[in-house]
Protein backbone atom coordinates (compact mmCIF):
# COMPACT_ATOMS: atom_id res chain seq x y z
CA UNK A 1 -61.35 82.58 -6.59
CA UNK A 2 -64.47 82.42 -8.74
CA UNK A 3 -63.99 85.76 -10.40
CA UNK A 4 -60.47 85.69 -11.84
CA UNK A 5 -61.49 86.39 -15.44
CA UNK A 6 -61.10 89.99 -16.53
CA UNK A 7 -62.46 91.76 -19.57
CA UNK A 8 -59.15 92.23 -21.39
CA UNK A 9 -56.89 89.34 -22.30
CA UNK A 10 -53.67 89.71 -24.21
CA UNK A 11 -52.56 87.07 -26.70
CA UNK A 12 -49.99 86.08 -24.14
CA UNK A 13 -52.91 85.48 -21.83
CA UNK A 14 -54.50 83.64 -24.89
CA UNK A 15 -67.26 71.24 -25.35
CA UNK A 16 -67.45 67.54 -28.21
CA UNK A 17 -68.43 64.46 -30.07
CA UNK A 18 -68.25 60.75 -30.95
CA UNK A 19 -69.24 57.63 -29.07
CA UNK A 20 -66.84 56.17 -26.53
CA UNK A 21 -64.05 54.75 -28.62
CA UNK A 22 -60.41 53.87 -28.22
CA UNK A 23 -58.28 56.05 -30.43
CA UNK A 24 -54.86 54.86 -29.44
CA UNK A 25 -51.40 55.77 -30.59
CA UNK A 26 -50.59 52.16 -29.72
CA UNK A 27 -52.62 49.13 -28.76
CA UNK A 28 -54.19 48.96 -25.31
CA UNK A 29 -57.24 49.78 -23.26
CA UNK A 30 -56.18 52.52 -20.89
CA UNK A 31 -57.67 52.97 -17.45
CA UNK A 32 -56.11 52.37 -14.09
CA UNK A 33 -52.83 53.91 -15.12
CA UNK A 34 -50.59 52.17 -17.58
CA UNK A 35 -48.02 50.75 -15.23
CA UNK A 36 -44.52 49.89 -16.41
CA UNK A 37 -43.62 51.90 -19.49
CA UNK A 38 -47.18 52.35 -20.79
CA UNK A 39 -48.66 55.79 -20.23
CA UNK A 40 -52.44 56.14 -20.47
CA UNK A 41 -54.26 59.38 -21.35
CA UNK A 42 -58.01 60.07 -21.52
CA UNK A 43 -60.05 63.06 -22.62
CA UNK A 44 -62.87 64.38 -24.80
CA UNK A 45 -62.80 63.50 -28.48
CA UNK A 46 -62.63 67.15 -29.53
CA UNK A 47 -58.95 67.05 -28.54
CA UNK A 48 -58.28 63.55 -29.89
CA UNK A 49 -56.20 64.56 -32.90
CA UNK A 50 -54.26 67.18 -30.96
CA UNK A 51 -53.24 64.91 -28.09
CA UNK A 52 -52.35 62.13 -30.53
CA UNK A 53 -50.13 64.49 -32.52
CA UNK A 54 -48.09 65.30 -29.41
CA UNK A 55 -48.12 61.70 -28.18
CA UNK A 56 -46.69 60.45 -31.47
CA UNK A 57 -43.84 62.95 -31.25
CA UNK A 58 -43.24 62.04 -27.61
CA UNK A 59 -42.98 58.33 -28.46
CA UNK A 60 -40.61 59.09 -31.33
CA UNK A 61 -38.28 60.85 -28.89
CA UNK A 62 -38.92 58.38 -26.04
CA UNK A 63 -39.17 54.96 -27.75
CA UNK A 64 -39.07 53.17 -24.40
CA UNK A 65 -42.41 54.72 -23.37
CA UNK A 66 -45.67 53.64 -25.02
CA UNK A 67 -48.61 56.08 -24.97
CA UNK A 68 -52.25 55.04 -25.20
CA UNK A 69 -55.01 57.61 -25.66
CA UNK A 70 -58.70 57.05 -25.08
CA UNK A 71 -61.36 59.59 -26.07
CA UNK A 72 -65.13 59.88 -25.73
CA UNK A 73 -67.89 62.43 -26.09
CA UNK A 74 -67.74 65.09 -23.41
CA UNK A 75 -70.65 63.68 -21.40
CA UNK A 76 -69.40 60.10 -21.57
CA UNK A 77 -65.85 61.10 -20.76
CA UNK A 78 -66.89 63.06 -17.68
CA UNK A 79 -69.03 60.19 -16.36
CA UNK A 80 -66.35 57.57 -16.97
CA UNK A 81 -63.50 59.67 -15.60
CA UNK A 82 -65.39 60.44 -12.41
CA UNK A 83 -66.07 56.73 -11.84
CA UNK A 84 -62.44 55.82 -12.50
CA UNK A 85 -61.09 58.52 -10.20
CA UNK A 86 -63.40 57.37 -7.41
CA UNK A 87 -62.30 53.76 -7.79
CA UNK A 88 -58.59 54.45 -8.24
CA UNK A 89 -58.59 53.09 -11.80
CA UNK A 90 -58.17 56.35 -13.69
CA UNK A 91 -55.69 56.78 -16.55
CA UNK A 92 -52.38 58.40 -15.70
CA UNK A 93 -53.26 61.68 -17.41
CA UNK A 94 -56.78 63.09 -17.64
CA UNK A 95 -58.37 66.05 -19.34
CA UNK A 96 -59.72 68.58 -16.84
CA UNK A 97 -61.67 71.79 -17.35
CA UNK A 98 -60.63 75.05 -15.77
CA UNK A 99 -62.71 76.67 -13.04
CA UNK A 100 -65.77 74.92 -11.68
CA UNK A 101 -68.10 74.40 -14.63
CA UNK A 102 -68.65 70.65 -14.47
CA UNK A 103 -67.84 67.45 -12.63
CA UNK A 104 -64.38 67.23 -14.24
CA UNK A 105 -63.44 70.86 -13.63
CA UNK A 106 -60.34 71.44 -11.57
CA UNK A 107 -62.14 73.13 -8.66
CA UNK A 108 -64.44 70.12 -8.29
CA UNK A 109 -61.86 67.37 -8.83
CA UNK A 110 -58.83 68.74 -7.01
CA UNK A 111 -60.75 69.36 -3.80
CA UNK A 112 -61.42 65.61 -3.63
CA UNK A 113 -57.69 64.89 -3.51
CA UNK A 114 -57.58 62.74 -6.64
CA UNK A 115 -55.30 64.96 -8.75
CA UNK A 116 -51.54 65.37 -8.37
CA UNK A 117 -50.26 68.76 -7.23
CA UNK A 118 -48.24 70.15 -10.15
CA UNK A 119 -47.27 73.47 -8.59
CA UNK A 120 -43.54 72.76 -8.75
CA UNK A 121 -43.41 71.76 -12.42
CA UNK A 122 -41.20 73.79 -14.76
CA UNK A 123 -44.09 74.90 -17.01
CA UNK A 124 -46.27 76.52 -14.32
CA UNK A 125 -45.31 80.04 -15.36
CA UNK A 126 -46.93 79.65 -18.79
CA UNK A 127 -50.37 79.53 -17.16
CA UNK A 128 -51.79 83.00 -17.96
CA UNK A 129 -51.63 85.17 -14.86
CA UNK A 130 -55.17 86.55 -15.21
CA UNK A 131 -56.66 83.04 -15.34
CA UNK A 132 -54.31 81.32 -12.94
CA UNK A 133 -57.04 80.92 -10.32
CA UNK A 134 -59.02 78.85 -12.83
CA UNK A 135 -56.15 76.32 -13.05
CA UNK A 136 -55.69 76.10 -9.30
CA UNK A 137 -57.43 74.91 -6.17
CA UNK A 138 -56.46 76.23 -2.75
CA UNK A 139 -53.51 78.03 -4.33
CA UNK A 140 -52.03 74.90 -5.95
CA UNK A 141 -51.83 74.23 -9.69
CA UNK A 142 -53.40 70.99 -10.91
CA UNK A 143 -53.53 71.31 -14.69
CA UNK A 144 -51.50 72.31 -17.73
CA UNK A 145 -53.61 74.43 -20.12
CA UNK A 146 -52.22 74.12 -23.64
CA UNK A 147 -54.39 76.59 -25.52
CA UNK A 148 -57.08 79.15 -25.30
CA UNK A 149 -60.29 77.67 -26.66
CA UNK A 150 -63.05 79.74 -28.21
CA UNK A 151 -66.70 79.21 -29.04
CA UNK A 152 -67.72 80.44 -32.46
CA UNK A 153 -69.10 79.50 -35.85
CA UNK A 154 -67.20 76.96 -37.95
CA UNK A 155 -68.43 77.33 -41.50
CA UNK A 156 -68.11 75.46 -44.78
CA UNK A 157 -66.60 78.02 -47.14
CA UNK A 158 -67.86 76.15 -50.23
CA UNK A 159 -71.44 76.29 -48.94
CA UNK A 160 -71.21 80.00 -48.18
CA UNK A 161 -69.74 80.67 -51.60
CA UNK A 162 -72.43 78.64 -53.37
CA UNK A 163 -75.19 80.44 -51.46
CA UNK A 164 -73.57 83.82 -52.05
CA UNK A 165 -73.29 84.46 -48.31
CA UNK A 166 -70.65 86.65 -46.70
CA UNK A 167 -69.53 86.04 -43.13
CA UNK A 168 -72.06 87.93 -40.96
CA UNK A 169 -70.60 90.55 -38.64
CA UNK A 170 -73.81 91.69 -36.89
CA UNK A 171 -76.91 89.94 -35.59
CA UNK A 172 -79.20 91.30 -38.37
CA UNK A 173 -76.67 90.03 -40.93
CA UNK A 174 -76.74 86.67 -39.16
CA UNK A 175 -80.50 86.35 -39.66
CA UNK A 176 -80.14 87.43 -43.29
CA UNK A 177 -77.47 84.76 -43.79
CA UNK A 178 -79.85 82.16 -42.36
CA UNK A 179 -82.51 83.12 -44.91
CA UNK A 180 -80.05 83.07 -47.82
CA UNK A 181 -78.59 79.69 -46.86
CA UNK A 182 -82.02 78.20 -46.31
CA UNK A 183 -83.25 79.54 -49.67
CA UNK A 184 -80.22 77.92 -51.31
CA UNK A 185 -81.16 74.53 -49.87
CA UNK A 186 -78.75 74.40 -46.95
CA UNK A 187 -79.28 74.13 -43.21
CA UNK A 188 -77.78 77.44 -41.98
CA UNK A 189 -76.59 76.09 -38.62
CA UNK A 190 -76.50 72.42 -37.70
CA UNK A 191 -77.16 71.94 -33.99
CA UNK A 192 -76.92 68.70 -32.05
CA UNK A 193 -79.18 69.37 -29.11
CA UNK A 194 -79.60 65.66 -28.36
CA UNK A 195 -76.08 65.90 -26.94
CA UNK A 196 -76.39 67.88 -23.68
CA UNK A 197 -73.01 69.62 -23.92
CA UNK A 198 -73.92 71.00 -27.36
CA UNK A 199 -77.01 72.84 -26.08
CA UNK A 200 -74.99 75.52 -24.33
CA UNK A 201 -72.72 76.62 -27.15
CA UNK A 202 -74.98 79.03 -29.01
CA UNK A 203 -76.11 80.81 -25.87
CA UNK A 204 -72.52 81.03 -24.60
CA UNK A 205 -71.48 82.56 -27.93
CA UNK A 206 -74.29 85.10 -27.75
CA UNK A 207 -73.87 86.17 -24.10
CA UNK A 208 -70.30 87.18 -24.85
CA UNK A 209 -71.89 90.13 -26.67
CA UNK A 210 -75.21 90.55 -24.85
CA UNK A 211 -73.75 90.34 -21.34
CA UNK A 212 -70.00 90.73 -21.06
CA UNK A 213 -69.39 93.31 -23.78
CA UNK A 214 -71.76 95.59 -21.89
CA UNK A 215 -70.98 94.52 -18.33
CA UNK A 216 -67.54 92.92 -17.87
CA UNK A 217 -68.09 92.66 -14.09
CA UNK A 218 -71.26 90.58 -14.47
CA UNK A 219 -69.75 87.46 -12.86
CA UNK A 220 -68.80 89.41 -9.75
CA UNK A 221 -72.25 90.99 -9.61
CA UNK A 222 -73.86 87.55 -9.83
CA UNK A 223 -71.61 86.37 -7.04
CA UNK A 224 -72.54 89.40 -4.94
CA UNK A 225 -76.25 88.93 -5.61
CA UNK A 226 -76.59 92.31 -7.32
CA UNK A 227 -77.33 90.79 -10.76
CA UNK A 228 -79.41 87.88 -11.99
CA UNK A 229 -80.14 85.96 -15.17
CA UNK A 230 -83.61 87.37 -15.81
CA UNK A 231 -82.68 91.05 -15.70
CA UNK A 232 -79.55 90.82 -17.82
CA UNK A 233 -78.32 90.15 -21.32
CA UNK A 234 -79.02 86.47 -20.74
CA UNK A 235 -82.63 87.25 -21.63
CA UNK A 236 -81.48 88.86 -24.88
CA UNK A 237 -79.33 85.83 -25.69
CA UNK A 238 -82.17 83.37 -25.08
CA UNK A 239 -84.52 85.53 -27.13
CA UNK A 240 -81.97 85.55 -29.97
CA UNK A 241 -81.52 81.78 -29.71
CA UNK A 242 -85.24 81.25 -30.20
CA UNK A 243 -85.47 83.96 -32.86
CA UNK A 244 -82.82 82.10 -34.82
CA UNK A 245 -85.00 79.00 -34.60
CA UNK A 246 -88.03 80.99 -35.81
CA UNK A 247 -85.96 82.22 -38.77
CA UNK A 248 -85.08 78.69 -39.95
CA UNK A 249 -81.46 78.97 -38.82
CA UNK A 250 -81.52 75.35 -37.58
CA UNK A 251 -82.47 72.00 -39.03
CA UNK A 252 -85.77 70.27 -38.24
CA UNK A 253 -85.91 68.46 -34.87
CA UNK A 254 -82.59 69.69 -33.46
CA UNK A 255 -83.26 67.92 -30.15
CA UNK A 256 -83.27 64.65 -32.09
CA UNK A 257 -79.84 65.33 -33.58
CA UNK A 258 -76.66 64.23 -31.79
CA UNK A 259 -73.63 66.50 -32.05
CA UNK A 260 -71.66 64.08 -34.22
CA UNK A 261 -74.42 64.23 -36.86
CA UNK A 262 -74.40 68.03 -36.74
CA UNK A 263 -70.64 68.00 -37.33
CA UNK A 264 -71.06 65.59 -40.24
CA UNK A 265 -73.63 67.88 -41.85
CA UNK A 266 -71.13 70.74 -41.97
CA UNK A 267 -68.27 68.57 -43.20
CA UNK A 268 -70.48 67.05 -45.91
CA UNK A 269 -71.72 70.43 -47.11
CA UNK A 270 -75.31 69.87 -46.03
CA UNK A 271 -75.13 72.69 -43.48
CA UNK A 272 -73.41 76.03 -43.65
CA UNK A 273 -72.02 76.17 -40.13
CA UNK A 274 -72.03 74.86 -36.59
CA UNK A 275 -71.48 76.76 -33.34
CA UNK A 276 -68.92 74.80 -31.34
CA UNK A 277 -65.62 75.03 -29.53
CA UNK A 278 -62.74 75.67 -31.85
CA UNK A 279 -61.26 72.27 -30.98
CA UNK A 280 -64.08 70.75 -33.04
CA UNK A 281 -62.56 72.40 -36.09
CA UNK A 282 -60.01 69.62 -36.51
CA UNK A 283 -62.76 66.98 -36.76
CA UNK A 284 -64.76 69.02 -39.24
CA UNK A 285 -61.74 69.90 -41.38
CA UNK A 286 -60.45 66.33 -41.46
CA UNK A 287 -63.83 65.05 -42.67
CA UNK A 288 -64.25 67.94 -45.12
CA UNK A 289 -61.05 67.08 -46.97
CA UNK A 290 -59.98 69.84 -49.36
CA UNK A 291 -62.95 72.07 -48.51
CA UNK A 292 -61.77 74.88 -46.26
CA UNK A 293 -63.53 75.30 -42.94
CA UNK A 294 -63.48 78.87 -41.64
CA UNK A 295 -64.18 80.43 -38.24
CA UNK A 296 -65.96 83.58 -37.10
CA UNK A 297 -67.38 84.95 -33.88
CA UNK A 298 -71.14 84.44 -33.70
CA UNK A 299 -72.48 88.01 -33.80
CA UNK A 300 -74.79 88.70 -30.87
CA UNK A 301 -74.99 92.47 -31.37
CA UNK A 302 -76.33 94.97 -33.89
CA UNK A 303 -72.93 96.65 -34.23
CA UNK A 304 -69.76 94.82 -35.23
CA UNK A 305 -67.69 96.59 -32.56
CA UNK A 306 -69.96 95.11 -29.87
CA UNK A 307 -69.45 91.50 -30.95
CA UNK A 308 -67.32 89.61 -28.41
CA UNK A 309 -65.85 86.10 -28.46
CA UNK A 310 -65.99 83.70 -25.49
CA UNK A 311 -62.58 82.20 -24.74
CA UNK A 312 -61.24 79.91 -22.02
CA UNK A 313 -58.18 77.90 -21.21
CA UNK A 314 -58.52 74.55 -22.97
CA UNK A 315 -56.54 71.50 -23.95
CA UNK A 316 -55.88 71.13 -20.22
CA UNK A 317 -54.50 67.99 -18.62
CA UNK A 318 -53.80 66.86 -15.08
CA UNK A 319 -52.37 63.71 -13.50
CA UNK A 320 -54.23 61.15 -11.42
CA UNK A 321 -52.98 61.01 -7.85
CA UNK A 322 -53.06 57.19 -8.16
CA UNK A 323 -50.94 57.09 -11.33
CA UNK A 324 -48.53 54.17 -11.43
CA UNK A 325 -46.51 56.13 -13.95
CA UNK A 326 -46.02 59.42 -12.14
CA UNK A 327 -42.51 60.08 -13.46
CA UNK A 328 -43.47 59.43 -17.08
CA UNK A 329 -46.73 61.34 -16.69
CA UNK A 330 -44.88 64.45 -15.52
CA UNK A 331 -42.33 63.95 -18.28
CA UNK A 332 -45.16 63.92 -20.82
CA UNK A 333 -46.68 67.15 -19.48
CA UNK A 334 -43.24 68.76 -19.62
CA UNK A 335 -43.04 67.67 -23.26
CA UNK A 336 -46.52 69.02 -23.99
CA UNK A 337 -45.66 72.41 -22.54
CA UNK A 338 -42.86 72.83 -25.09
CA UNK A 339 -44.90 71.47 -28.02
CA UNK A 340 -47.86 73.84 -27.99
CA UNK A 341 -47.26 74.71 -31.64
CA UNK A 342 -48.08 71.17 -32.76
CA UNK A 343 -51.00 70.84 -30.34
CA UNK A 344 -52.55 74.19 -31.17
CA UNK A 345 -52.22 73.74 -34.92
CA UNK A 346 -54.47 70.68 -34.68
CA UNK A 347 -56.71 71.95 -31.86
CA UNK A 348 -57.17 75.35 -33.52
CA UNK A 349 -56.46 77.13 -30.24
CA UNK A 350 -54.16 80.03 -29.44
CA UNK A 351 -51.26 78.68 -27.31
CA UNK A 352 -51.05 79.88 -23.73
CA UNK A 353 -47.36 80.36 -24.54
CA UNK A 354 -47.86 82.63 -27.52
CA UNK A 355 -44.24 82.33 -28.61
CA UNK A 356 -45.40 78.94 -29.91
CA UNK A 357 -48.23 80.35 -32.06
CA UNK A 358 -48.39 78.46 -35.40
CA UNK A 359 -48.06 80.55 -38.53
CA UNK A 360 -50.46 80.63 -41.49
CA UNK A 361 -53.49 79.42 -39.52
CA UNK A 362 -56.51 81.56 -40.41
CA UNK A 363 -58.85 80.39 -37.62
CA UNK A 364 -56.18 81.05 -35.00
CA UNK A 365 -55.49 84.44 -36.53
CA UNK A 366 -59.20 85.28 -36.21
CA UNK A 367 -59.27 84.27 -32.56
CA UNK A 368 -56.07 86.20 -31.89
CA UNK A 369 -57.64 89.32 -33.41
CA UNK A 370 -60.45 89.22 -30.86
CA UNK A 371 -57.96 88.65 -28.03
CA UNK A 372 -55.67 91.44 -29.20
CA UNK A 373 -58.64 93.82 -29.32
CA UNK A 374 -59.78 92.83 -25.82
CA UNK A 375 -63.12 91.72 -27.27
CA UNK A 376 -63.30 88.48 -25.31
CA UNK A 377 -65.11 87.09 -22.29
CA UNK A 378 -64.85 83.94 -20.22
CA UNK A 379 -67.09 80.93 -20.69
CA UNK A 380 -69.94 81.79 -18.30
CA UNK A 381 -69.94 78.44 -16.50
CA UNK A 382 -66.34 78.73 -15.32
CA UNK A 383 -67.27 80.89 -12.36
CA UNK A 384 -70.68 79.41 -11.59
CA UNK A 385 -70.89 78.27 -7.96
CA UNK A 386 -71.87 74.67 -8.68
CA UNK A 387 -72.06 72.17 -11.55
CA UNK A 388 -75.86 72.05 -11.31
CA UNK A 389 -76.19 75.39 -13.09
CA UNK A 390 -74.63 73.98 -16.24
CA UNK A 391 -76.80 70.86 -16.08
CA UNK A 392 -79.87 73.07 -15.72
CA UNK A 393 -78.73 75.11 -18.68
CA UNK A 394 -78.51 71.94 -20.78
CA UNK A 395 -82.04 70.97 -19.79
CA UNK A 396 -83.77 74.31 -20.26
CA UNK A 397 -82.37 74.71 -23.78
CA UNK A 398 -83.63 71.25 -24.70
CA UNK A 399 -87.01 72.08 -23.13
CA UNK A 400 -87.26 75.40 -24.96
CA UNK A 401 -86.88 73.57 -28.27
CA UNK A 402 -88.73 70.34 -27.45
CA UNK A 403 -91.66 71.47 -25.31
CA UNK A 404 -91.88 75.23 -25.70
CA UNK A 405 -90.50 76.19 -22.28
CA UNK A 406 -90.68 79.98 -22.05
CA UNK A 407 -87.62 82.17 -21.73
CA UNK A 408 -88.99 83.44 -18.40
CA UNK A 409 -89.22 79.92 -16.99
CA UNK A 410 -85.83 78.95 -18.38
CA UNK A 411 -84.14 81.91 -16.73
CA UNK A 412 -85.96 81.28 -13.47
CA UNK A 413 -84.71 77.68 -13.42
CA UNK A 414 -81.16 78.85 -14.08
CA UNK A 415 -81.36 81.32 -11.22
CA UNK A 416 -82.74 78.70 -8.84
CA UNK A 417 -79.83 76.39 -9.69
CA UNK A 418 -77.34 79.23 -9.24
CA UNK A 419 -78.78 80.19 -5.87
CA UNK A 420 -78.62 76.54 -4.80
């Protein structure tokens, strides 16, 4: 089950910020299931605008049902959701991650019996066949994935234009762009390493090229014990990460910067770009106003043809087994499945049902180009054997920046966590 991701994905087979806040389509607090005709939904704030867009349409067509949405930073959401699920006070609908990357991933949550089995819902067939295992546990489907997410560089086009910088297509061009942006008075890449979930994004973007472009079966080899972190492209990616730091690609004291501040820097034109999930694009674009925010794959190779993009099923929602609103919750997921155009246009993700692909969306077109060309890989953590590997990854990146942890030691710690 852990190795469902393949190298090539067709378009048809097409992490987050902010303090814990209530961002509701109507008044309420959420939690514990809405009861009556109030439906409660919780998730990470990166998908706040997207889920609200669909919820507003749903309420317009179902005026007898009130929808309340609550969002939080990825770390806070995961902690809160786990506590609520354990106590039976979870919202009706919850965001879940595919595979087994973290504590709110479907493999880790469904096995505890706290999610509703959705295998018989009408939308199940839109789950991409080659990633179906990542939406299931023990052969049953527990989540509706709305879009394919991607990790790449979101950049302020006005900053790039002012600095005379073209979108880099190779790793040497990336370093040159850092120098040009820095010389022009901009932070090339804002990074929010104080936020644990943000630490992983640059390395994930790089390993798509340094690992999976060269060795698409790497996950299976790790699972078989015939490959390891230290003797693979992971070393190249970590070396690149630190080389970017040595070339002034990041702001001063990145471990003292939360992700929401890094996002603000790009929106405000203080930084050229940020490496993040494409869902973050909506937050950056909304704050940037009329300034266009673009997207490109972070180049982790010396040749453009070897640059790959990490993609994964995202915008995924499941239903709490203890929901007091089971009928309405399933009705809402049915509605979501047929409104991927609206969701994906805000979330900047390619719909899993590509017949619903929005038109005239440049970031989505860029992501679709990578998918069409087969130049994509999974998020590495989706097939890791336990959630501790991801937590270790968070920590070693912070330690590499804050205390000078060596690449050798960082990779050794990752391997120890993987081996359990």
